[in-house]
Amino acid sequence: MSSKEKYSEELLLEEEVIKQNEIVLFNDDVNTFDYVIDTLIYACDHTPEQAEQCSLIVHYKGKCTVKTGPFEDLEPRCSKLLEAGLSAEIV
């Protein structure tokens, strides 16, 4: 096994170990599309296009992962979504 193959193999193993948490946004019948879009832009730093796509996925599928990353980054973002009256959780 060459050193390049061995390095590539070790790198892949390291990537699998990293655990990414997700904020999952759930559908509700209360908030408007515009409100959800504006809240995603504010809380998750989405572009308007990202926020619109997520709001449509949530509407039609019932839920959508709106942000991934380390728990320390996601916790305040999820709190902002909850404070805004949206249904979300970190998984």
PDB file of N, CA and C in Angstrom:
ATOM      1  N   MET A   1       0.858  -1.176   0.000  1.00  0.00           N
ATOM      2  CA  MET A   1       0.000   0.000   0.000  1.00  0.00           C
ATOM      3  C   MET A   1       0.899   1.233   0.000  1.00  0.00           C
ATOM      4  N   SER A   2       0.663   2.120  -0.921  1.00  0.00           N
ATOM      5  CA  SER A   2       1.492   3.319  -0.994  1.00  0.00           C
ATOM      6  C   SER A   2       1.129   4.277   0.132  1.00  0.00           C
ATOM      7  N   SER A   3       2.016   5.211   0.408  1.00  0.00           N
ATOM      8  CA  SER A   3       1.755   6.171   1.482  1.00  0.00           C
ATOM      9  C   SER A   3       0.576   7.080   1.138  1.00  0.00           C
ATOM     10  N   LYS A   4       0.368   7.357  -0.156  1.00  0.00           N
ATOM     11  CA  LYS A   4      -0.767   8.196  -0.567  1.00  0.00           C
ATOM     12  C   LYS A   4      -2.090   7.495  -0.268  1.00  0.00           C
ATOM     13  N   GLU A   5      -2.170   6.182  -0.567  1.00  0.00           N
ATOM     14  CA  GLU A   5      -3.388   5.431  -0.284  1.00  0.00           C
ATOM     15  C   GLU A   5      -3.637   5.347   1.213  1.00  0.00           C
ATOM     16  N   LYS A   6      -2.579   5.140   1.977  1.00  0.00           N
ATOM     17  CA  LYS A   6      -2.712   5.044   3.422  1.00  0.00           C
ATOM     18  C   LYS A   6      -3.209   6.375   4.004  1.00  0.00           C
ATOM     19  N   TYR A   7      -2.680   7.484   3.503  1.00  0.00           N
ATOM     20  CA  TYR A   7      -3.114   8.805   3.971  1.00  0.00           C
ATOM     21  C   TYR A   7      -4.582   9.028   3.640  1.00  0.00           C
ATOM     22  N   SER A   8      -5.005   8.686   2.435  1.00  0.00           N
ATOM     23  CA  SER A   8      -6.393   8.862   2.023  1.00  0.00           C
ATOM     24  C   SER A   8      -7.325   8.038   2.906  1.00  0.00           C
ATOM     25  N   GLU A   9      -6.913   6.828   3.222  1.00  0.00           N
ATOM     26  CA  GLU A   9      -7.712   5.955   4.055  1.00  0.00           C
ATOM     27  C   GLU A   9      -7.860   6.543   5.459  1.00  0.00           C
ATOM     28  N   GLU A  10      -6.785   7.052   6.030  1.00  0.00           N
ATOM     29  CA  GLU A  10      -6.833   7.655   7.354  1.00  0.00           C
ATOM     30  C   GLU A  10      -7.713   8.903   7.358  1.00  0.00           C
ATOM     31  N   LEU A  11      -7.643   9.682   6.310  1.00  0.00           N
ATOM     32  CA  LEU A  11      -8.445  10.885   6.217  1.00  0.00           C
ATOM     33  C   LEU A  11      -9.926  10.549   6.183  1.00  0.00           C
ATOM     34  N   LEU A  12     -10.321   9.539   5.440  1.00  0.00           N
ATOM     35  CA  LEU A  12     -11.717   9.125   5.378  1.00  0.00           C
ATOM     36  C   LEU A  12     -12.218   8.668   6.744  1.00  0.00           C
ATOM     37  N   LEU A  13     -11.405   7.966   7.480  1.00  0.00           N
ATOM     38  CA  LEU A  13     -11.801   7.525   8.810  1.00  0.00           C
ATOM     39  C   LEU A  13     -12.023   8.705   9.737  1.00  0.00           C
ATOM     40  N   GLU A  14     -11.195   9.724   9.651  1.00  0.00           N
ATOM     41  CA  GLU A  14     -11.356  10.909  10.479  1.00  0.00           C
ATOM     42  C   GLU A  14     -12.657  11.637  10.156  1.00  0.00           C
ATOM     43  N   GLU A  15     -13.018  11.703   8.898  1.00  0.00           N
ATOM     44  CA  GLU A  15     -14.236  12.398   8.503  1.00  0.00           C
ATOM     45  C   GLU A  15     -15.480  11.699   9.033  1.00  0.00           C
ATOM     46  N   GLU A  16     -15.453  10.366   9.112  1.00  0.00           N
ATOM     47  CA  GLU A  16     -16.608   9.630   9.598  1.00  0.00           C
ATOM     48  C   GLU A  16     -16.841   9.858  11.089  1.00  0.00           C
ATOM     49  N   VAL A  17     -15.797  10.146  11.837  1.00  0.00           N
ATOM     50  CA  VAL A  17     -15.892  10.310  13.278  1.00  0.00           C
ATOM     51  C   VAL A  17     -16.591  11.618  13.654  1.00  0.00           C
ATOM     52  N   ILE A  18     -16.458  12.636  12.834  1.00  0.00           N
ATOM     53  CA  ILE A  18     -17.034  13.942  13.139  1.00  0.00           C
ATOM     54  C   ILE A  18     -18.553  13.851  13.106  1.00  0.00           C
ATOM     55  N   LYS A  19     -19.196  14.168  14.233  1.00  0.00           N
ATOM     56  CA  LYS A  19     -20.645  14.100  14.311  1.00  0.00           C
ATOM     57  C   LYS A  19     -21.232  15.485  14.097  1.00  0.00           C
ATOM     58  N   GLN A  20     -22.079  15.590  13.098  1.00  0.00           N
ATOM     59  CA  GLN A  20     -22.758  16.851  12.817  1.00  0.00           C
ATOM     60  C   GLN A  20     -24.170  16.784  13.387  1.00  0.00           C
ATOM     61  N   ASN A  21     -24.531  17.782  14.132  1.00  0.00           N
ATOM     62  CA  ASN A  21     -25.897  17.905  14.603  1.00  0.00           C
ATOM     63  C   ASN A  21     -26.692  18.666  13.557  1.00  0.00           C
ATOM     64  N   GLU A  22     -28.005  18.568  13.637  1.00  0.00           N
ATOM     65  CA  GLU A  22     -28.881  19.225  12.668  1.00  0.00           C
ATOM     66  C   GLU A  22     -30.010  19.941  13.385  1.00  0.00           C
ATOM     67  N   ILE A  23     -30.401  21.095  12.856  1.00  0.00           N
ATOM     68  CA  ILE A  23     -31.648  21.725  13.288  1.00  0.00           C
ATOM     69  C   ILE A  23     -32.712  21.290  12.287  1.00  0.00           C
ATOM     70  N   VAL A  24     -33.751  20.660  12.799  1.00  0.00           N
ATOM     71  CA  VAL A  24     -34.869  20.233  11.966  1.00  0.00           C
ATOM     72  C   VAL A  24     -36.040  21.162  12.248  1.00  0.00           C
ATOM     73  N   LEU A  25     -36.569  21.751  11.191  1.00  0.00           N
ATOM     74  CA  LEU A  25     -37.725  22.642  11.285  1.00  0.00           C
ATOM     75  C   LEU A  25     -38.956  21.850  10.885  1.00  0.00           C
ATOM     76  N   PHE A  26     -40.033  21.987  11.671  1.00  0.00           N
ATOM     77  CA  PHE A  26     -41.265  21.250  11.431  1.00  0.00           C
ATOM     78  C   PHE A  26     -42.359  22.175  10.917  1.00  0.00           C
ATOM     79  N   ASN A  27     -43.256  21.600  10.138  1.00  0.00           N
ATOM     80  CA  ASN A  27     -44.371  22.344   9.571  1.00  0.00           C
ATOM     81  C   ASN A  27     -45.387  22.729  10.655  1.00  0.00           C
ATOM     82  N   ASP A  28     -46.017  23.862  10.457  1.00  0.00           N
ATOM     83  CA  ASP A  28     -47.153  24.252  11.285  1.00  0.00           C
ATOM     84  C   ASP A  28     -48.169  24.958  10.390  1.00  0.00           C
ATOM     85  N   ASP A  29     -49.354  25.140  10.888  1.00  0.00           N
ATOM     86  CA  ASP A  29     -50.404  25.806  10.118  1.00  0.00           C
ATOM     87  C   ASP A  29     -50.618  27.238  10.586  1.00  0.00           C
ATOM     88  N   VAL A  30     -49.639  27.789  11.293  1.00  0.00           N
ATOM     89  CA  VAL A  30     -49.795  29.106  11.899  1.00  0.00           C
ATOM     90  C   VAL A  30     -48.992  30.174  11.161  1.00  0.00           C
ATOM     91  N   ASN A  31     -47.738  29.899  10.907  1.00  0.00           N
ATOM     92  CA  ASN A  31     -46.837  30.909  10.363  1.00  0.00           C
ATOM     93  C   ASN A  31     -46.885  30.957   8.834  1.00  0.00           C
ATOM     94  N   THR A  32     -46.751  32.164   8.298  1.00  0.00           N
ATOM     95  CA  THR A  32     -46.776  32.355   6.841  1.00  0.00           C
ATOM     96  C   THR A  32     -45.415  32.016   6.241  1.00  0.00           C
ATOM     97  N   PHE A  33     -45.406  31.795   4.937  1.00  0.00           N
ATOM     98  CA  PHE A  33     -44.147  31.533   4.247  1.00  0.00           C
ATOM     99  C   PHE A  33     -43.176  32.692   4.445  1.00  0.00           C
ATOM    100  N   ASP A  34     -43.664  33.908   4.288  1.00  0.00           N
ATOM    101  CA  ASP A  34     -42.777  35.075   4.429  1.00  0.00           C
ATOM    102  C   ASP A  34     -42.163  35.149   5.816  1.00  0.00           C
ATOM    103  N   TYR A  35     -42.959  34.852   6.835  1.00  0.00           N
ATOM    104  CA  TYR A  35     -42.445  34.897   8.205  1.00  0.00           C
ATOM    105  C   TYR A  35     -41.367  33.834   8.413  1.00  0.00           C
ATOM    106  N   VAL A  36     -41.623  32.619   7.930  1.00  0.00           N
ATOM    107  CA  VAL A  36     -40.641  31.538   8.067  1.00  0.00           C
ATOM    108  C   VAL A  36     -39.363  31.888   7.311  1.00  0.00           C
ATOM    109  N   ILE A  37     -39.505  32.399   6.107  1.00  0.00           N
ATOM    110  CA  ILE A  37     -38.343  32.786   5.303  1.00  0.00           C
ATOM    111  C   ILE A  37     -37.521  33.853   6.020  1.00  0.00           C
ATOM    112  N   ASP A  38     -38.188  34.898   6.500  1.00  0.00           N
ATOM    113  CA  ASP A  38     -37.479  35.966   7.220  1.00  0.00           C
ATOM    114  C   ASP A  38     -36.783  35.437   8.472  1.00  0.00           C
ATOM    115  N   THR A  39     -37.434  34.517   9.179  1.00  0.00           N
ATOM    116  CA  THR A  39     -36.853  33.962  10.399  1.00  0.00           C
ATOM    117  C   THR A  39     -35.640  33.093  10.093  1.00  0.00           C
ATOM    118  N   LEU A  40     -35.698  32.310   9.018  1.00  0.00           N
ATOM    119  CA  LEU A  40     -34.547  31.493   8.633  1.00  0.00           C
ATOM    120  C   LEU A  40     -33.361  32.358   8.206  1.00  0.00           C
ATOM    121  N   ILE A  41     -33.644  33.445   7.533  1.00  0.00           N
ATOM    122  CA  ILE A  41     -32.574  34.371   7.147  1.00  0.00           C
ATOM    123  C   ILE A  41     -31.917  34.950   8.402  1.00  0.00           C
ATOM    124  N   TYR A  42     -32.728  35.338   9.368  1.00  0.00           N
ATOM    125  CA  TYR A  42     -32.234  35.941  10.607  1.00  0.00           C
ATOM    126  C   TYR A  42     -31.504  34.917  11.496  1.00  0.00           C
ATOM    127  N   ALA A  43     -32.144  33.780  11.748  1.00  0.00           N
ATOM    128  CA  ALA A  43     -31.616  32.846  12.741  1.00  0.00           C
ATOM    129  C   ALA A  43     -30.540  31.917  12.197  1.00  0.00           C
ATOM    130  N   CYS A  44     -30.632  31.555  10.928  1.00  0.00           N
ATOM    131  CA  CYS A  44     -29.723  30.547  10.369  1.00  0.00           C
ATOM    132  C   CYS A  44     -28.780  31.103   9.312  1.00  0.00           C
ATOM    133  N   ASP A  45     -28.818  32.412   9.107  1.00  0.00           N
ATOM    134  CA  ASP A  45     -27.972  33.057   8.095  1.00  0.00           C
ATOM    135  C   ASP A  45     -28.189  32.472   6.693  1.00  0.00           C
ATOM    136  N   HIS A  46     -29.436  32.122   6.391  1.00  0.00           N
ATOM    137  CA  HIS A  46     -29.756  31.625   5.053  1.00  0.00           C
ATOM    138  C   HIS A  46     -29.798  32.775   4.061  1.00  0.00           C
ATOM    139  N   THR A  47     -29.534  32.448   2.804  1.00  0.00           N
ATOM    140  CA  THR A  47     -29.825  33.405   1.740  1.00  0.00           C
ATOM    141  C   THR A  47     -31.336  33.357   1.518  1.00  0.00           C
ATOM    142  N   PRO A  48     -31.913  34.365   0.888  1.00  0.00           N
ATOM    143  CA  PRO A  48     -33.352  34.311   0.614  1.00  0.00           C
ATOM    144  C   PRO A  48     -33.758  33.055  -0.173  1.00  0.00           C
ATOM    145  N   GLU A  49     -32.913  32.628  -1.095  1.00  0.00           N
ATOM    146  CA  GLU A  49     -33.219  31.439  -1.890  1.00  0.00           C
ATOM    147  C   GLU A  49     -33.220  30.185  -1.020  1.00  0.00           C
ATOM    148  N   GLN A  50     -32.226  30.060  -0.137  1.00  0.00           N
ATOM    149  CA  GLN A  50     -32.163  28.911   0.768  1.00  0.00           C
ATOM    150  C   GLN A  50     -33.389  28.869   1.661  1.00  0.00           C
ATOM    151  N   ALA A  51     -33.729  30.011   2.219  1.00  0.00           N
ATOM    152  CA  ALA A  51     -34.855  30.086   3.143  1.00  0.00           C
ATOM    153  C   ALA A  51     -36.163  29.727   2.434  1.00  0.00           C
ATOM    154  N   GLU A  52     -36.326  30.205   1.217  1.00  0.00           N
ATOM    155  CA  GLU A  52     -37.542  29.884   0.464  1.00  0.00           C
ATOM    156  C   GLU A  52     -37.616  28.384   0.165  1.00  0.00           C
ATOM    157  N   GLN A  53     -36.502  27.795  -0.246  1.00  0.00           N
ATOM    158  CA  GLN A  53     -36.489  26.364  -0.526  1.00  0.00           C
ATOM    159  C   GLN A  53     -36.808  25.551   0.723  1.00  0.00           C
ATOM    160  N   CYS A  54     -36.227  25.923   1.854  1.00  0.00           N
ATOM    161  CA  CYS A  54     -36.499  25.211   3.103  1.00  0.00           C
ATOM    162  C   CYS A  54     -37.961  25.344   3.507  1.00  0.00           C
ATOM    163  N   SER A  55     -38.524  26.523   3.348  1.00  0.00           N
ATOM    164  CA  SER A  55     -39.931  26.713   3.723  1.00  0.00           C
ATOM    165  C   SER A  55     -40.847  25.857   2.851  1.00  0.00           C
ATOM    166  N   LEU A  56     -40.514  25.704   1.577  1.00  0.00           N
ATOM    167  CA  LEU A  56     -41.322  24.853   0.695  1.00  0.00           C
ATOM    168  C   LEU A  56     -41.174  23.380   1.059  1.00  0.00           C
ATOM    169  N   ILE A  57     -39.954  22.947   1.376  1.00  0.00           N
ATOM    170  CA  ILE A  57     -39.746  21.558   1.790  1.00  0.00           C
ATOM    171  C   ILE A  57     -40.516  21.267   3.065  1.00  0.00           C
ATOM    172  N   VAL A  58     -40.445  22.176   4.037  1.00  0.00           N
ATOM    173  CA  VAL A  58     -41.174  21.997   5.293  1.00  0.00           C
ATOM    174  C   VAL A  58     -42.673  21.906   5.023  1.00  0.00           C
ATOM    175  N   HIS A  59     -43.171  22.752   4.145  1.00  0.00           N
ATOM    176  CA  HIS A  59     -44.610  22.770   3.844  1.00  0.00           C
ATOM    177  C   HIS A  59     -45.066  21.449   3.226  1.00  0.00           C
ATOM    178  N   TYR A  60     -44.300  20.942   2.260  1.00  0.00           N
ATOM    179  CA  TYR A  60     -44.724  19.752   1.535  1.00  0.00           C
ATOM    180  C   TYR A  60     -44.298  18.432   2.161  1.00  0.00           C
ATOM    181  N   LYS A  61     -43.173  18.425   2.868  1.00  0.00           N
ATOM    182  CA  LYS A  61     -42.673  17.181   3.460  1.00  0.00           C
ATOM    183  C   LYS A  61     -42.930  17.082   4.966  1.00  0.00           C
ATOM    184  N   GLY A  62     -43.255  18.207   5.604  1.00  0.00           N
ATOM    185  CA  GLY A  62     -43.527  18.192   7.033  1.00  0.00           C
ATOM    186  C   GLY A  62     -42.348  18.572   7.902  1.00  0.00           C
ATOM    187  N   LYS A  63     -41.136  18.453   7.369  1.00  0.00           N
ATOM    188  CA  LYS A  63     -39.934  18.845   8.120  1.00  0.00           C
ATOM    189  C   LYS A  63     -38.786  19.004   7.155  1.00  0.00           C
ATOM    190  N   CYS A  64     -37.737  19.700   7.630  1.00  0.00           N
ATOM    191  CA  CYS A  64     -36.558  19.935   6.800  1.00  0.00           C
ATOM    192  C   CYS A  64     -35.375  20.273   7.709  1.00  0.00           C
ATOM    193  N   THR A  65     -34.222  19.720   7.379  1.00  0.00           N
ATOM    194  CA  THR A  65     -32.992  20.117   8.063  1.00  0.00           C
ATOM    195  C   THR A  65     -32.594  21.485   7.529  1.00  0.00           C
ATOM    196  N   VAL A  66     -32.529  22.475   8.419  1.00  0.00           N
ATOM    197  CA  VAL A  66     -32.246  23.842   7.985  1.00  0.00           C
ATOM    198  C   VAL A  66     -30.822  24.288   8.289  1.00  0.00           C
ATOM    199  N   LYS A  67     -30.126  23.555   9.164  1.00  0.00           N
ATOM    200  CA  LYS A  67     -28.738  23.930   9.492  1.00  0.00           C
ATOM    201  C   LYS A  67     -28.045  22.720  10.097  1.00  0.00           C
ATOM    202  N   THR A  68     -26.786  22.512   9.740  1.00  0.00           N
ATOM    203  CA  THR A  68     -25.977  21.470  10.346  1.00  0.00           C
ATOM    204  C   THR A  68     -24.713  22.091  10.910  1.00  0.00           C
ATOM    205  N   GLY A  69     -24.154  21.444  11.911  1.00  0.00           N
ATOM    206  CA  GLY A  69     -22.925  21.940  12.497  1.00  0.00           C
ATOM    207  C   GLY A  69     -22.754  21.463  13.920  1.00  0.00           C
ATOM    208  N   PRO A  70     -21.765  22.013  14.611  1.00  0.00           N
ATOM    209  CA  PRO A  70     -21.550  21.634  16.011  1.00  0.00           C
ATOM    210  C   PRO A  70     -22.685  22.162  16.888  1.00  0.00           C
ATOM    211  N   PHE A  71     -22.968  21.429  17.942  1.00  0.00           N
ATOM    212  CA  PHE A  71     -24.073  21.761  18.838  1.00  0.00           C
ATOM    213  C   PHE A  71     -23.965  23.190  19.373  1.00  0.00           C
ATOM    214  N   GLU A  72     -22.744  23.621  19.686  1.00  0.00           N
ATOM    215  CA  GLU A  72     -22.540  24.948  20.268  1.00  0.00           C
ATOM    216  C   GLU A  72     -22.998  26.061  19.317  1.00  0.00           C
ATOM    217  N   ASP A  73     -22.898  25.821  18.012  1.00  0.00           N
ATOM    218  CA  ASP A  73     -23.356  26.803  17.020  1.00  0.00           C
ATOM    219  C   ASP A  73     -24.861  26.715  16.811  1.00  0.00           C
ATOM    220  N   LEU A  74     -25.400  25.500  16.886  1.00  0.00           N
ATOM    221  CA  LEU A  74     -26.818  25.305  16.580  1.00  0.00           C
ATOM    222  C   LEU A  74     -27.752  25.698  17.722  1.00  0.00           C
ATOM    223  N   GLU A  75     -27.296  25.551  18.948  1.00  0.00           N
ATOM    224  CA  GLU A  75     -28.176  25.807  20.094  1.00  0.00           C
ATOM    225  C   GLU A  75     -28.758  27.228  20.095  1.00  0.00           C
ATOM    226  N   PRO A  76     -27.949  28.286  19.939  1.00  0.00           N
ATOM    227  CA  PRO A  76     -28.549  29.629  19.924  1.00  0.00           C
ATOM    228  C   PRO A  76     -29.431  29.863  18.695  1.00  0.00           C
ATOM    229  N   ARG A  77     -29.089  29.245  17.577  1.00  0.00           N
ATOM    230  CA  ARG A  77     -29.908  29.388  16.368  1.00  0.00           C
ATOM    231  C   ARG A  77     -31.279  28.737  16.557  1.00  0.00           C
ATOM    232  N   CYS A  78     -31.273  27.549  17.141  1.00  0.00           N
ATOM    233  CA  CYS A  78     -32.530  26.853  17.395  1.00  0.00           C
ATOM    234  C   CYS A  78     -33.379  27.633  18.403  1.00  0.00           C
ATOM    235  N   SER A  79     -32.731  28.218  19.386  1.00  0.00           N
ATOM    236  CA  SER A  79     -33.454  29.036  20.364  1.00  0.00           C
ATOM    237  C   SER A  79     -34.133  30.226  19.697  1.00  0.00           C
ATOM    238  N   LYS A  80     -33.456  30.843  18.728  1.00  0.00           N
ATOM    239  CA  LYS A  80     -34.058  31.959  17.990  1.00  0.00           C
ATOM    240  C   LYS A  80     -35.293  31.499  17.217  1.00  0.00           C
ATOM    241  N   LEU A  81     -35.204  30.323  16.610  1.00  0.00           N
ATOM    242  CA  LEU A  81     -36.361  29.794  15.876  1.00  0.00           C
ATOM    243  C   LEU A  81     -37.525  29.525  16.825  1.00  0.00           C
ATOM    244  N   LEU A  82     -37.224  28.941  17.978  1.00  0.00           N
ATOM    245  CA  LEU A  82     -38.274  28.647  18.956  1.00  0.00           C
ATOM    246  C   LEU A  82     -38.892  29.930  19.518  1.00  0.00           C
ATOM    247  N   GLU A  83     -38.054  30.914  19.812  1.00  0.00           N
ATOM    248  CA  GLU A  83     -38.553  32.194  20.324  1.00  0.00           C
ATOM    249  C   GLU A  83     -39.438  32.899  19.296  1.00  0.00           C
ATOM    250  N   ALA A  84     -39.182  32.630  18.020  1.00  0.00           N
ATOM    251  CA  ALA A  84     -39.977  33.233  16.950  1.00  0.00           C
ATOM    252  C   ALA A  84     -41.288  32.486  16.715  1.00  0.00           C
ATOM    253  N   GLY A  85     -41.496  31.414  17.450  1.00  0.00           N
ATOM    254  CA  GLY A  85     -42.747  30.676  17.340  1.00  0.00           C
ATOM    255  C   GLY A  85     -42.736  29.537  16.335  1.00  0.00           C
ATOM    256  N   LEU A  86     -41.544  29.163  15.859  1.00  0.00           N
ATOM    257  CA  LEU A  86     -41.441  28.040  14.941  1.00  0.00           C
ATOM    258  C   LEU A  86     -41.168  26.759  15.728  1.00  0.00           C
ATOM    259  N   SER A  87     -41.493  25.623  15.133  1.00  0.00           N
ATOM    260  CA  SER A  87     -41.241  24.332  15.769  1.00  0.00           C
ATOM    261  C   SER A  87     -39.939  23.768  15.203  1.00  0.00           C
ATOM    262  N   ALA A  88     -38.957  23.605  16.073  1.00  0.00           N
ATOM    263  CA  ALA A  88     -37.654  23.108  15.647  1.00  0.00           C
ATOM    264  C   ALA A  88     -37.001  22.346  16.782  1.00  0.00           C
ATOM    265  N   GLU A  89     -36.073  21.466  16.400  1.00  0.00           N
ATOM    266  CA  GLU A  89     -35.293  20.746  17.403  1.00  0.00           C
ATOM    267  C   GLU A  89     -33.932  20.402  16.837  1.00  0.00           C
ATOM    268  N   ILE A  90     -32.989  20.165  17.733  1.00  0.00           N
ATOM    269  CA  ILE A  90     -31.644  19.745  17.330  1.00  0.00           C
ATOM    270  C   ILE A  90     -31.583  18.225  17.474  1.00  0.00           C
ATOM    271  N   VAL A  91     -31.139  17.582  16.391  1.00  0.00           N
ATOM    272  CA  VAL A  91     -31.002  16.106  16.436  1.00  0.00           C
ATOM    273  C   VAL A  91     -29.566  15.737  16.132  1.00  0.00           C
TER     274      VAL A  91
END
